[in-house]
Amino acid sequence: MKSLLEIRGLVKHFPLKKDVLGRGGGVVRAVDGIDFHVREGETLGVVGESGCGKSTTARLLMHLIEPTAGEVIFDGAAVGSRDLPLKEFRRQVQMVFQDSYASLNPRLTIEDSVAFGPMVHGLARQPSVERARDLLARVGLDPSRFAERYPHELSGGQRQRVNIARALALQPRVVILDEAVSALDKSVEAQVLNLLLDLKQDFGLTYVFISHDLNVVRFVSDRVMVMYLGEVAEIGSAESLFTAARHPYTRALLSSMPSLDPDHRTEVAPLAGDPPNPISPPSGCRFHPRCSLAAPVCATRAPSRRSLASGVGVACLIQEPDSGHPQAAAAAPALTEAA
């Protein structure tokens, strides 16, 4: 399975203003050098605490904000280059936002909202309206009942279905879903999730699914990427990550998942304290101030991220042979050719 979307060294630092005395300044390190790829036809889940950089990463992928450094490669071409202008990239990569109401123009009918994108990209109005009506029907909204309504006349679940239809109106290859179901109640959430899975199969889509709900991520994802303080902590298949997570932060996240089993209640908080300040992150491993397995070396040496770009890996000194951590394994001796 080939990589459809490849992210190399992506960085986003937001500069801070100085006060009248010249104090302050610096930058907020929202995303600080991440590498990963998204394979064609898969769903990559992205999880982490609030403020870890998930939504900033989504906006960087869509080029809604300009990166400080790094590049986004789509189907072998750099986004924004002569080979792949931004307008053509956005036709093939669409996004569904968390706030279903703020995402829609309150002055446009539902039909016009969905048809707007194809018209901007050169399709005549009548074919655009026909495509919009077809997509509304596909997402479970009868065009005869809903096409002429305005966003305020719909429920949250119905508005999110409209946003999904609008994202599909340009016939994209990739859809980025940024907390797309988190504002919905559980019954509506299940309906929208099943709809997304059906649409993925019918249209051959690739998803980047960002969520704080680990149960939802496990349900929809093929691979999962865990972010912490602007960096990738762990990435791997959903099954392996949820059954045998290797990073202490990932294990803490998983242990915080609520359980209906009274014999498996969480009585001790799996993770203490708040994430460090992204303006001045800790030296070495950024998770070490909150890690129960931290050793002195964790404060001085950052874990290697070389394996993360391959799509399977963990940024933890315990997993690096001869890293200096007392729990790290020794490196295997190199094989020498017999004389």
Foldseek 3Di string as FASTA:
>chain_A
DDFFKWWFQFWAWAWDDADPVRDDIFTQGQAGTETATFHFLFEEEEAEDPSLNPVVVVCCQLPVDDTPDTFMAGRRHTECDPVHDSLNVCLQEEEQEAQLLVVFDQVDALLCLLLVVVVVVPDDSVVSSVLSQVQCVLLPHHCVPRRRHGPVVDDRLSSLSSSVSSRCSSLHQEYEYANSQVVDDDVSSVSVLVSVVVCCVVSSHYYHYYDHQLVSCLVRGQKYWYGGLNYTFWIDGSVCCLVPNDGLVSVLSNLPHDDPDPVSGDPDRSWDDDQDRSSDAAEADSCQVTGPQHDPLRRHHWFDCVCVNVRGDGGDLLDPAPSPRPNRHHDDDDDDDDD
